[in-house]
Amino acid sequence: MNIGRIEHASFVIETDDVVCLLDPVFTPTFESGANEFHPPVELDIDTLTRRCTLLVLSHIHFDHFSLETIARLDRAIPVIYPRSETAIGACLQRLGFTGAHGTVVGEAITCGALTIMPTASIGKPNEYGYVFTHEGRSAWAMVDTVVDDSVVAQVLGAVDRIDVLLAKYQPVVEEPLVQNGLGGDFPAERYGELLRAVRVLAPACVVPSFSGLRFARDEWLNTRAFPVEVEMFADDVLRALPGVQVEVLEAGDAIAPGEPPVVRRAAVQGVRRAERDVAPPRWRPDAGVPPLRDHPRPDRPADAVRARIEAYLDQAFLAALERESRLWRDKMHAAGVVWRLEVVCAEGPPIARAIDFGARPLGWRSGADNRPSKLVTAITASALDGLILGERSAYSVIFGDLRVTHRIYEVTRHGVVRTGDAGDEPLTRILFRDADARFLEHELSRLGYPAAPPTADQPSPASRVSA
């Protein structure tokens, strides 16, 4: 068995009779253009897709699940994906794959001489890791899973030992980049959990994986989102588990499990690291935060974008707000929440509105409003327009195009009680609920597939954000 790194979360696992692609994303950017690969990579997509005889998908986040890439594969190849991720299954059916198999944690699936077993993620039932086993050698791709001792015990109960661990190592800073402060302390607890998993598993070899990306539109995000460099992780693994072999694979490198594992550089057909120099993410949260800035599409008139946003806010959004949970609206009312929305436009003044949750019926107050706000949402016009049209995924908006400040609390006779959380932000509460489903529908339409018939109970893909 040879395990080749393509880029970020995409790997190829090869045996004599199987060429398996794990989470292939072969587009120049992903997440609606928010992310790009780092280091840059040059791919011969025809070579990579033509050789593929098995597709394995871990979850639906769009740095792992690319309809544009999957559409280039042979529809007759078998596909393995999480059974509970019904949106993946629906997309594969729409694309015409005839051998798609929704699997469950712990199910051993054999393809040729390769055995694949899904592993669990704590608190994330739709996200899988995978153990690949061939001729007595095993490799575990953790992907984005959150693991504890019980997950490690499941893995070690299925195989004698993990020869190669494709280890998740980056505790990406996400919510703090959107919520109050736009940053945070080093996430030592989450990072410690990643190192503990490595120490408890005690693999023969550790390969830092699943963090080969950077932000493409807003450079300042790269100083805040990625607090761990790969060299730092490699050093820390050796401190936690002295004597373990640590191998850093670049794009195109491959590793074969063995005693010891053997690394071959530039060994993956169709993959090579690009020559162009792009600055790597370096964690410096003291670098400062620039003002929110719109990045409009050049082919979209600013007045048309403004008109569409205002029509949405006046009609569909207000109607959806009235249909929201009565308990939630009562909580916002009890907390005395005045919510301010600012839509930052590339041309002209921002669209500024406010809603007083103490008023009935709920309605907008436009223009200047000097009342103190307990909740402020700022979003770029192009991001909001993209969400309305289904052109943007939820995750592509939370970095660089959205900022939320909340101080939701209630005053009681016993003091101040904090009652708010990320889920209380009204705009994303409504728009993010089915944003990824609408984005997938937009992508299928862009690729030439007819629209799916509407159903009342069709589940939406889970958003990566908590709002």
Protein backbone atom coordinates (compact mmCIF):
# COMPACT_ATOMS: atom_id res chain seq x y z
CA MET A 1 0.00 0.00 0.00
CA ASN A 2 1.24 3.45 -0.97
CA ILE A 3 -0.31 6.64 0.41
CA GLY A 4 0.28 9.71 -1.74
CA ARG A 5 -0.41 13.30 -0.75
CA ILE A 6 -2.13 15.36 -3.42
CA GLU A 7 -2.92 18.55 -1.49
CA HIS A 8 -4.64 19.70 1.72
CA ALA A 9 -7.08 16.86 2.50
CA SER A 10 -6.82 14.94 -0.78
CA PHE A 11 -4.85 11.69 -0.80
CA VAL A 12 -4.46 8.71 -3.10
CA ILE A 13 -4.18 5.23 -1.58
CA GLU A 14 -2.81 2.65 -4.04
CA THR A 15 -2.46 -1.12 -4.01
CA ASP A 16 -1.79 -3.48 -6.90
CA ASP A 17 -5.49 -3.58 -7.75
CA VAL A 18 -7.01 -0.37 -6.28
CA VAL A 19 -6.42 3.34 -6.80
CA CYS A 20 -8.48 5.12 -4.15
CA LEU A 21 -9.02 8.87 -4.00
CA LEU A 22 -9.82 10.28 -0.56
CA ASP A 23 -11.71 13.61 -0.58
CA PRO A 24 -10.47 14.82 -4.00
CA VAL A 25 -10.71 18.58 -4.52
CA PHE A 26 -8.90 19.50 -7.73
CA THR A 27 -10.17 23.06 -8.31
CA PRO A 28 -7.80 26.07 -8.01
CA THR A 29 -9.87 27.49 -5.15
CA PHE A 30 -12.70 26.11 -3.04
CA GLU A 31 -15.33 27.23 -0.52
CA SER A 32 -16.72 29.68 -3.11
CA GLY A 33 -13.23 31.09 -3.69
CA ALA A 34 -12.44 31.75 -0.02
CA ASN A 35 -9.60 29.20 0.21
CA GLU A 36 -6.69 28.07 -1.93
CA PHE A 37 -4.08 25.36 -1.50
CA HIS A 38 -0.85 26.06 0.32
CA PRO A 39 1.76 25.32 -0.75
CA PRO A 40 0.49 25.83 -4.31
CA VAL A 41 0.20 22.64 -6.33
CA GLU A 42 -0.03 21.80 -10.03
CA LEU A 43 -2.32 18.90 -10.91
CA ASP A 44 -2.82 16.82 -14.02
CA ILE A 45 -6.50 16.25 -13.29
CA ASP A 46 -7.04 13.85 -16.19
CA THR A 47 -4.30 11.55 -14.90
CA LEU A 48 -5.62 11.63 -11.34
CA THR A 49 -9.25 11.02 -12.25
CA ARG A 50 -8.65 8.49 -15.03
CA ARG A 51 -6.70 6.16 -12.75
CA CYS A 52 -9.22 6.27 -9.90
CA THR A 53 -11.05 3.00 -9.18
CA LEU A 54 -12.53 3.89 -5.77
CA LEU A 55 -13.78 7.16 -4.24
CA VAL A 56 -13.94 7.68 -0.46
CA LEU A 57 -15.62 10.78 0.99
CA SER A 58 -15.34 11.80 4.65
CA HIS A 59 -17.93 14.59 4.94
CA ILE A 60 -19.60 17.41 3.07
CA HIS A 61 -17.44 20.44 3.86
CA PHE A 62 -16.34 21.93 0.58
CA ASP A 63 -12.60 21.60 1.15
CA HIS A 64 -13.35 17.83 1.12
CA PHE A 65 -16.37 17.53 -1.18
CA SER A 66 -16.07 19.05 -4.66
CA LEU A 67 -18.87 18.35 -7.11
CA GLU A 68 -16.78 19.78 -9.94
CA THR A 69 -14.02 17.27 -9.22
CA ILE A 70 -16.29 14.30 -8.57
CA ALA A 71 -18.14 14.98 -11.83
CA ARG A 72 -14.92 14.09 -13.71
CA LEU A 73 -14.81 10.54 -12.32
CA ASP A 74 -16.11 7.33 -13.90
CA ARG A 75 -19.71 6.88 -12.73
CA ALA A 76 -19.22 3.11 -12.45
CA ILE A 77 -16.56 3.25 -9.71
CA PRO A 78 -17.66 2.39 -6.16
CA VAL A 79 -18.08 5.31 -3.75
CA ILE A 80 -17.97 5.17 0.05
CA TYR A 81 -19.46 8.00 2.11
CA PRO A 82 -21.13 8.51 5.54
CA ARG A 83 -24.64 7.06 5.36
CA SER A 84 -26.07 9.82 7.57
CA GLU A 85 -24.76 12.50 5.17
CA THR A 86 -27.82 12.19 2.95
CA ALA A 87 -26.95 15.27 0.90
CA ILE A 88 -23.81 13.51 -0.38
CA GLY A 89 -25.89 10.50 -1.34
CA ALA A 90 -28.42 12.69 -3.15
CA CYS A 91 -25.66 14.50 -5.09
CA LEU A 92 -24.01 11.22 -6.11
CA GLN A 93 -27.37 9.94 -7.35
CA ARG A 94 -27.93 13.15 -9.32
CA LEU A 95 -24.46 12.80 -10.86
CA GLY A 96 -25.25 9.23 -11.92
CA PHE A 97 -22.94 7.14 -9.71
CA THR A 98 -24.29 3.60 -9.63
CA GLY A 99 -22.08 2.09 -6.92
CA ALA A 100 -22.45 4.58 -4.07
CA HIS A 101 -22.51 2.99 -0.62
CA GLY A 102 -23.49 4.89 2.50
CA THR A 103 -21.48 3.33 5.31
CA VAL A 104 -21.52 3.48 9.10
CA VAL A 105 -18.78 3.67 11.72
CA GLY A 106 -17.04 0.35 12.21
CA GLU A 107 -18.26 -1.28 8.99
CA ALA A 108 -15.35 -2.98 7.20
CA ILE A 109 -15.62 -2.63 3.43
CA THR A 110 -13.38 -4.60 1.08
CA CYS A 111 -12.40 -3.40 -2.38
CA GLY A 112 -9.92 -5.73 -4.00
CA ALA A 113 -7.16 -6.31 -1.46
CA LEU A 114 -7.87 -3.01 0.34
CA THR A 115 -10.09 -2.84 3.42
CA ILE A 116 -11.64 0.47 4.50
CA MET A 117 -13.20 1.06 7.92
CA PRO A 118 -14.92 4.34 8.92
CA THR A 119 -14.05 5.85 12.31
CA ALA A 120 -16.13 8.16 14.47
CA SER A 121 -15.93 11.86 15.29
CA ILE A 122 -17.03 12.97 18.75
CA GLY A 123 -20.02 15.30 18.45
CA LYS A 124 -19.89 15.18 14.63
CA PRO A 125 -21.80 12.08 13.50
CA ASN A 126 -21.65 13.08 9.81
CA GLU A 127 -17.85 13.30 9.71
CA TYR A 128 -15.69 10.18 9.32
CA GLY A 129 -12.07 9.23 9.43
CA TYR A 130 -10.98 6.04 7.66
CA VAL A 131 -8.61 3.18 8.46
CA PHE A 132 -7.09 1.65 5.31
CA THR A 133 -5.67 -1.87 5.68
CA HIS A 134 -3.70 -3.90 3.14
CA GLU A 135 -1.65 -7.09 3.65
CA GLY A 136 -1.33 -6.59 7.38
CA ARG A 137 -0.39 -2.88 7.20
CA SER A 138 -2.74 -0.10 8.31
CA ALA A 139 -3.03 3.66 7.88
CA TRP A 140 -5.55 5.91 9.64
CA ALA A 141 -6.67 9.11 7.96
CA MET A 142 -8.14 11.18 10.81
CA VAL A 143 -9.39 13.84 8.36
CA ASP A 144 -11.33 16.45 10.41
CA THR A 145 -12.60 14.10 13.10
CA VAL A 146 -12.58 14.94 16.79
CA VAL A 147 -11.25 11.89 18.61
CA ASP A 148 -10.93 10.77 22.21
CA ASP A 149 -9.77 7.57 23.90
CA SER A 150 -12.96 5.76 22.87
CA VAL A 151 -12.31 6.41 19.18
CA VAL A 152 -8.68 5.34 19.53
CA ALA A 153 -9.88 2.19 21.30
CA GLN A 154 -12.24 1.48 18.38
CA VAL A 155 -9.34 1.76 15.94
CA LEU A 156 -6.98 -0.39 18.00
CA GLY A 157 -9.75 -2.93 18.44
CA ALA A 158 -9.93 -3.34 14.67
CA VAL A 159 -6.19 -3.42 13.86
CA ASP A 160 -3.15 -4.47 15.86
CA ARG A 161 -1.33 -1.23 15.22
CA ILE A 162 -1.49 1.85 13.03
CA ASP A 163 1.62 1.94 10.88
CA VAL A 164 0.97 5.40 9.41
CA LEU A 165 -1.21 8.06 11.03
CA LEU A 166 -2.35 10.86 8.73
CA ALA A 167 -2.80 13.15 11.69
CA LYS A 168 -5.05 16.15 12.02
CA TYR A 169 -2.84 18.76 13.65
CA GLN A 170 -4.31 22.22 13.12
CA PRO A 171 -6.77 23.58 15.73
CA VAL A 172 -8.17 26.14 13.26
CA VAL A 173 -9.48 29.32 14.89
CA GLU A 174 -13.00 29.75 13.49
CA GLU A 175 -15.76 31.27 15.59
CA PRO A 176 -13.54 33.89 17.30
CA LEU A 177 -12.73 35.29 13.85
CA VAL A 178 -16.40 36.14 13.40
CA GLN A 179 -17.50 36.88 16.94
CA ASN A 180 -16.43 39.54 19.40
CA GLY A 181 -12.75 40.39 19.09
CA LEU A 182 -11.96 38.64 15.80
CA GLY A 183 -9.30 36.48 17.31
CA GLY A 184 -8.40 34.70 20.51
CA ASP A 185 -5.77 33.08 22.63
CA PHE A 186 -3.81 30.08 21.44
CA PRO A 187 -6.23 27.11 21.52
CA ALA A 188 -4.01 25.06 23.81
CA GLU A 189 -6.75 22.71 25.02
CA ARG A 190 -7.84 21.65 21.52
CA TYR A 191 -4.23 21.33 20.39
CA GLY A 192 -3.50 19.22 23.44
CA GLU A 193 -6.34 16.86 22.50
CA LEU A 194 -4.74 16.30 19.08
CA LEU A 195 -1.37 15.50 20.64
CA ARG A 196 -2.97 13.22 23.23
CA ALA A 197 -4.66 11.20 20.47
CA VAL A 198 -1.26 10.66 18.84
CA ARG A 199 0.33 9.65 22.14
CA VAL A 200 -2.44 7.17 23.08
CA LEU A 201 -2.50 5.65 19.59
CA ALA A 202 1.31 5.30 19.47
CA PRO A 203 1.58 4.76 15.70
CA ALA A 204 4.80 3.77 14.01
CA CYS A 205 4.83 6.93 11.89
CA VAL A 206 3.00 10.27 12.04
CA VAL A 207 2.32 12.38 8.93
CA PRO A 208 0.93 15.88 9.66
CA SER A 209 -2.06 16.25 7.36
CA PHE A 210 -5.33 18.04 6.53
CA SER A 211 -4.15 21.65 6.76
CA GLY A 212 -2.70 22.50 3.36
CA LEU A 213 -4.71 25.65 2.72
CA ARG A 214 -4.76 29.39 3.21
CA PHE A 215 -7.26 32.21 2.72
CA ALA A 216 -7.27 33.65 -0.77
CA ARG A 217 -9.26 36.87 -0.47
CA ASP A 218 -8.25 38.41 2.86
CA GLU A 219 -4.58 38.05 3.75
CA TRP A 220 -5.01 39.18 7.36
CA LEU A 221 -7.02 36.03 8.13
CA ASN A 222 -3.91 33.93 7.56
CA THR A 223 -2.27 35.58 10.58
CA ARG A 224 -5.10 34.51 12.90
CA ALA A 225 -6.74 31.28 11.76
CA PHE A 226 -3.79 28.83 11.77
CA PRO A 227 -2.01 28.83 15.15
CA VAL A 228 0.18 25.74 14.53
CA GLU A 229 2.91 25.37 11.90
CA VAL A 230 3.71 21.87 10.70
CA GLU A 231 7.28 22.06 12.07
CA MET A 232 5.89 22.96 15.50
CA PHE A 233 3.58 19.94 15.45
CA ALA A 234 6.38 17.61 14.39
CA ASP A 235 8.54 18.79 17.31
CA ASP A 236 5.67 18.45 19.77
CA VAL A 237 4.86 14.91 18.61
CA LEU A 238 8.46 13.89 19.30
CA ARG A 239 8.21 15.41 22.79
CA ALA A 240 4.94 13.59 23.48
CA LEU A 241 6.03 10.30 21.92
CA PRO A 242 9.84 10.00 21.85
CA GLY A 243 11.15 7.67 19.19
CA VAL A 244 8.17 7.91 16.83
CA GLN A 245 8.92 8.55 13.16
CA VAL A 246 7.51 11.84 11.87
CA GLU A 247 7.41 12.47 8.12
CA VAL A 248 6.29 15.70 6.46
CA LEU A 249 4.91 14.96 3.00
CA GLU A 250 4.78 17.64 0.35
CA ALA A 251 2.40 17.53 -2.59
CA GLY A 252 3.28 14.51 -4.72
CA ASP A 253 5.18 12.64 -2.00
CA ALA A 254 4.15 9.10 -1.00
CA ILE A 255 4.70 6.84 1.98
CA ALA A 256 4.52 3.04 2.17
CA PRO A 257 3.76 1.51 5.60
CA GLY A 258 6.51 -0.84 6.71
CA GLU A 259 9.26 -1.32 9.27
CA PRO A 260 10.22 1.42 8.90
CA PRO A 261 7.77 3.24 6.59
CA VAL A 262 9.40 4.31 3.33
CA VAL A 263 8.95 7.81 1.87
CA ARG A 264 9.28 8.47 -1.85
CA ARG A 265 9.48 12.07 -2.98
CA ALA A 266 7.57 13.33 -6.05
CA ALA A 267 6.14 9.84 -6.58
CA VAL A 268 2.42 10.56 -7.21
CA GLN A 269 1.49 10.70 -10.88
CA GLY A 270 -0.12 13.98 -11.89
CA VAL A 271 0.93 15.96 -8.80
CA ARG A 272 3.79 18.37 -8.27
CA ARG A 273 4.41 21.35 -6.06
CA ALA A 274 4.10 24.63 -7.94
CA GLU A 275 7.07 26.91 -8.30
CA ARG A 276 5.26 30.16 -7.49
CA ASP A 277 6.00 31.58 -4.08
CA VAL A 278 3.07 32.32 -1.78
CA ALA A 279 3.51 33.39 1.83
CA PRO A 280 2.56 30.64 4.29
CA PRO A 281 0.06 31.29 7.08
CA ARG A 282 1.89 32.59 10.15
CA TRP A 283 0.04 33.03 13.42
CA ARG A 284 0.33 36.66 14.53
CA PRO A 285 -3.03 37.74 15.97
CA ASP A 286 -1.50 41.03 17.06
CA ALA A 287 -1.28 42.10 13.41
CA GLY A 288 -4.56 44.02 13.60
CA VAL A 289 -7.86 43.77 11.80
CA PRO A 290 -8.58 45.92 8.72
CA PRO A 291 -12.03 47.38 8.10
CA LEU A 292 -14.56 45.11 6.43
CA ARG A 293 -14.18 45.47 2.66
CA ASP A 294 -16.39 44.20 -0.12
CA HIS A 295 -14.99 42.25 -3.09
CA PRO A 296 -17.73 42.65 -5.71
CA ARG A 297 -18.04 40.58 -8.85
CA PRO A 298 -17.04 42.78 -11.81
CA ASP A 299 -19.90 41.41 -13.93
CA ARG A 300 -22.60 42.31 -11.40
CA PRO A 301 -23.89 45.93 -11.31
CA ALA A 302 -23.78 47.45 -7.85
CA ASP A 303 -27.29 48.91 -8.11
CA ALA A 304 -28.72 45.47 -8.98
CA VAL A 305 -26.98 43.92 -5.96
CA ARG A 306 -28.28 46.64 -3.67
CA ALA A 307 -31.84 46.28 -4.99
CA ARG A 308 -31.80 42.50 -4.56
CA ILE A 309 -30.50 42.75 -0.99
CA GLU A 310 -33.06 45.35 0.02
CA ALA A 311 -35.89 43.34 -1.53
CA TYR A 312 -34.74 40.22 0.33
CA LEU A 313 -34.48 42.05 3.66
CA ASP A 314 -37.90 43.67 3.25
CA GLN A 315 -39.74 40.55 2.17
CA ALA A 316 -38.26 37.07 2.55
CA PHE A 317 -36.09 37.82 5.57
CA LEU A 318 -38.78 39.55 7.62
CA ALA A 319 -41.23 36.76 6.83
CA ALA A 320 -38.68 34.15 7.92
CA LEU A 321 -37.97 36.10 11.11
CA GLU A 322 -41.65 36.02 12.05
CA ARG A 323 -41.66 32.24 11.55
CA GLU A 324 -38.69 31.70 13.86
CA SER A 325 -39.06 29.96 17.19
CA ARG A 326 -41.32 31.80 19.61
CA LEU A 327 -39.00 30.86 22.46
CA TRP A 328 -36.07 32.49 20.66
CA ARG A 329 -37.99 35.66 19.85
CA ASP A 330 -39.23 35.87 23.45
CA LYS A 331 -35.66 35.51 24.71
CA MET A 332 -34.48 38.32 22.44
CA HIS A 333 -37.40 40.43 23.64
CA ALA A 334 -36.67 39.72 27.33
CA ALA A 335 -33.02 40.64 26.83
CA GLY A 336 -34.01 43.96 25.24
CA VAL A 337 -32.07 43.22 22.07
CA VAL A 338 -31.76 45.95 19.48
CA TRP A 339 -30.04 44.41 16.47
CA ARG A 340 -28.18 46.49 13.95
CA LEU A 341 -27.34 45.23 10.46
CA GLU A 342 -24.72 46.93 8.29
CA VAL A 343 -24.24 45.72 4.71
CA VAL A 344 -20.91 47.07 3.44
CA CYS A 345 -21.06 47.96 -0.24
CA ALA A 346 -18.18 48.56 -2.64
CA GLU A 347 -20.03 51.56 -4.06
CA GLY A 348 -22.22 53.98 -2.16
CA PRO A 349 -23.17 54.05 1.51
CA PRO A 350 -23.78 50.89 3.52
CA ILE A 351 -27.26 49.50 3.89
CA ALA A 352 -27.97 50.27 7.54
CA ARG A 353 -31.00 48.86 9.34
CA ALA A 354 -32.09 47.98 12.85
CA ILE A 355 -34.71 45.79 14.51
CA ASP A 356 -36.00 46.24 18.04
CA PHE A 357 -37.06 42.80 19.29
CA GLY A 358 -39.27 44.52 21.82
CA ALA A 359 -41.51 45.85 19.05
CA ARG A 360 -44.43 43.96 17.50
CA PRO A 361 -44.64 43.16 14.69
CA LEU A 362 -40.94 42.94 13.99
CA GLY A 363 -39.89 45.47 11.39
CA TRP A 364 -36.91 47.40 10.10
CA ARG A 365 -35.84 50.82 11.22
CA SER A 366 -33.74 52.26 8.40
CA GLY A 367 -31.08 54.93 8.45
CA ALA A 368 -29.45 56.54 11.47
CA ASP A 369 -30.38 54.97 14.80
CA ASN A 370 -28.30 55.97 17.80
CA ARG A 371 -29.83 53.59 20.33
CA PRO A 372 -27.31 51.23 21.96
CA SER A 373 -27.28 47.86 20.22
CA LYS A 374 -26.80 44.55 21.96
CA LEU A 375 -26.14 42.82 18.65
CA VAL A 376 -24.38 44.14 15.54
CA THR A 377 -23.91 42.23 12.28
CA ALA A 378 -21.67 43.55 9.50
CA ILE A 379 -21.56 41.67 6.20
CA THR A 380 -20.31 42.53 2.72
CA ALA A 381 -22.86 43.08 -0.01
CA SER A 382 -21.30 40.50 -2.34
CA ALA A 383 -21.38 37.83 0.39
CA LEU A 384 -25.01 38.50 1.27
CA ASP A 385 -25.96 38.60 -2.40
CA GLY A 386 -24.13 35.31 -2.98
CA LEU A 387 -25.99 33.67 -0.10
CA ILE A 388 -29.32 34.89 -1.42
CA LEU A 389 -28.58 33.50 -4.89
CA GLY A 390 -27.04 30.24 -3.63
CA GLU A 391 -23.63 31.10 -5.10
CA ARG A 392 -21.80 31.12 -1.75
CA SER A 393 -21.41 28.44 0.90
CA ALA A 394 -21.90 29.35 4.53
CA TYR A 395 -18.26 28.74 5.42
CA SER A 396 -17.01 30.98 2.63
CA VAL A 397 -18.81 33.92 4.25
CA ILE A 398 -17.76 33.59 7.87
CA PHE A 399 -14.12 34.32 7.09
CA GLY A 400 -13.52 37.84 5.79
CA ASP A 401 -17.10 38.80 4.88
CA LEU A 402 -18.94 38.63 8.21
CA ARG A 403 -18.41 40.12 11.65
CA VAL A 404 -20.71 39.82 14.63
CA THR A 405 -20.54 41.59 17.97
CA HIS A 406 -22.98 40.55 20.65
CA ARG A 407 -23.48 41.41 24.29
CA ILE A 408 -26.83 39.78 24.89
CA TYR A 409 -27.73 39.60 28.57
CA GLU A 410 -30.66 40.09 30.92
CA VAL A 411 -30.76 42.20 34.07
CA THR A 412 -32.48 40.45 36.96
CA ARG A 413 -32.82 41.14 40.67
CA HIS A 414 -29.93 38.74 41.16
CA GLY A 415 -27.62 40.51 38.70
CA VAL A 416 -26.68 40.31 35.04
CA VAL A 417 -27.25 36.97 33.30
CA ARG A 418 -25.61 36.27 29.95
CA THR A 419 -28.21 34.71 27.65
CA GLY A 420 -26.84 35.10 24.12
CA ASP A 421 -24.70 32.89 21.93
CA ALA A 422 -23.65 32.56 18.30
CA GLY A 423 -27.01 31.07 17.32
CA ASP A 424 -28.80 34.30 18.22
CA GLU A 425 -27.45 36.24 15.23
CA PRO A 426 -30.63 36.64 13.12
CA LEU A 427 -29.22 36.92 9.59
CA THR A 428 -27.04 33.81 9.64
CA ARG A 429 -29.57 31.98 11.81
CA ILE A 430 -31.93 32.14 8.85
CA LEU A 431 -29.61 32.21 5.83
CA PHE A 432 -27.11 29.57 6.97
CA ARG A 433 -29.81 27.03 7.71
CA ASP A 434 -29.98 25.87 4.11
CA ALA A 435 -27.09 27.83 2.56
CA ASP A 436 -25.00 24.76 1.78
CA ALA A 437 -27.96 22.90 0.26
CA ARG A 438 -28.65 25.87 -2.01
CA PHE A 439 -24.96 26.09 -2.89
CA LEU A 440 -24.90 22.41 -3.89
CA GLU A 441 -28.00 22.96 -6.02
CA HIS A 442 -26.31 25.94 -7.67
CA GLU A 443 -23.17 23.88 -8.36
CA LEU A 444 -25.18 21.03 -9.90
CA SER A 445 -27.01 23.52 -12.09
CA ARG A 446 -23.71 25.13 -13.11
CA LEU A 447 -22.42 21.69 -14.11
CA GLY A 448 -25.50 21.13 -16.28
CA TYR A 449 -27.61 18.86 -14.09
CA PRO A 450 -31.37 19.50 -13.91
CA ALA A 451 -32.90 20.85 -10.74
CA ALA A 452 -34.14 18.37 -8.18
CA PRO A 453 -37.89 18.27 -7.53
CA PRO A 454 -38.65 20.16 -4.31
CA THR A 455 -39.48 18.08 -1.26
CA ALA A 456 -40.76 19.27 2.07
CA ASP A 457 -38.61 16.96 4.18
CA GLN A 458 -35.30 16.95 2.28
CA PRO A 459 -32.54 17.45 4.87
CA SER A 460 -30.00 20.21 4.44
CA PRO A 461 -26.25 19.68 4.76
CA ALA A 462 -24.94 20.60 8.18
CA SER A 463 -23.17 23.97 8.21
CA ARG A 464 -19.69 24.08 9.61
CA VAL A 465 -20.53 27.06 11.80
CA SER A 466 -22.59 27.03 14.95
CA ALA A 467 -24.79 29.99 14.06
